[in-house]
Amino acid sequence: MEREITLNDTVALALGAGILGTGGGGNPYIGRLWLEQELKQRGGAVRIIDAGDVADDATVCSVGMMGAPTVSNEKLQEGGEFIRNIRALEQHVHASIEALVIGEIGGSNAIKPLVAGLQLGLPVVDGDGMGRAFPELQMDTFSIGGVSSSPMALSDDYGNVIIFHKLDSPKRAEQYARILTIEMGGSAALSMPVMTGVQMKTNIIRGTLTLAQRMGETVLTARRSNTEPSEAVAALGNGRVLFRGKIVDVERRTTQGFARGRLKLVAFGDPNDVMEIVFQNENLIAWHNGEIVCTVPDLICILSLEDGESVGTESLRYGLRVTVIGMPAAKELKTPKALAVVGPVGFGYPDVTFQPMLGNLL
């Protein structure tokens, strides 16, 4: 069933996308401002369609941004990157793109495909390839499901567009595109994979755009009633609150195109009750008093106690009072094949065993 995203929806959508970003995906506030500007200038609304509404033989493409969140906060897009990417890919594959797909539902990357849909006059599918945000290209359900990463387009704010005609693996796509993204200033517009409607429907995690909007609306409702929203937000994602406390230490560096680091939190009133979290753009593993309580692909989300706003890894700082919630990943991310890519071992933690939270995100 088709629906629309209008100016009235942008605040809730940005709030929810930030939460599902698990610390990454780009600052949703920046994406929201861009979307609002496009909606005001163009009028109308973004068309949102269900995956089942796309014909099996249609040609669709996923879009988003590549790079470190710490860079994308300061290096804004020129504005026409997605248009140039899609037009170049259409020329390359000799077919018209009929719908856009969100690459990852987290952060600004959940919102910028809506901008692209407005600019190109295309509908956007309600769903994505991650059910959260991940830092590397091979970590989506399309790549895990065997959809080819090429052809792939990458572009910068100077008007340069690069098409990778053939890549032998999703990991190779990540390696080559990461190098080029760094050369493009650490942040670039990405369009991939180009796929058929049936490939998209087989692999997409459905309904995540709607989930993001509902989470944001939950936060807004809590603000109006002056209540803390973390319990309600966690329940929407079938999760729970893991910790409440203050950030007392942050180690963060931008290297090889990623924001990497670790943070430490101390519970209110008990300096011996601590949580530590490591991240690579997104939050990866959480320890509570030395015991692992949540790991990728399950979601570790940090919310400000003040207003329920998500706190991205690029915004972590000493003194912030936060709630940490954990939510189970979508079922598509918990197969043995998927866990080899998006589980702890895929991030270089071979000694950490994935112990899934009960239930699924949707």
Foldseek 3Di string as FASTA:
>chain_A
DKDWDALVQLQLLQQLQAQLQQQFQAASVVLSVLLNVLCVVQPDTAIEDALVVADQFAKEKEKFKAFANLQCVPADALQCQLVLFQVVVCVVVVHHHAEYEQAASHHSSVRVVSSVCSVVVHHYYAFHFQSGDDRFQCQGQLQLVPPAFPQKWKAGRVPDIDTDHHDPGSVRVRVVVLVVCVVRVRMIMIMDDTDGSNSCVVGTDHRSSVLSSVLSVQLVVCVVVVHFRPQVSQVLQVWHWDAWFFWADWDWDQDSRWIWTKTKTAHPPGRQFIKMFTDTQRTAWIDTNNHTDAGPPKRKWKAQRVRRGTHHSSRDDGGTTIIIMTGFEAPSCPDPSNCCCTNPVVVPCPVDDHDTDPDYRD
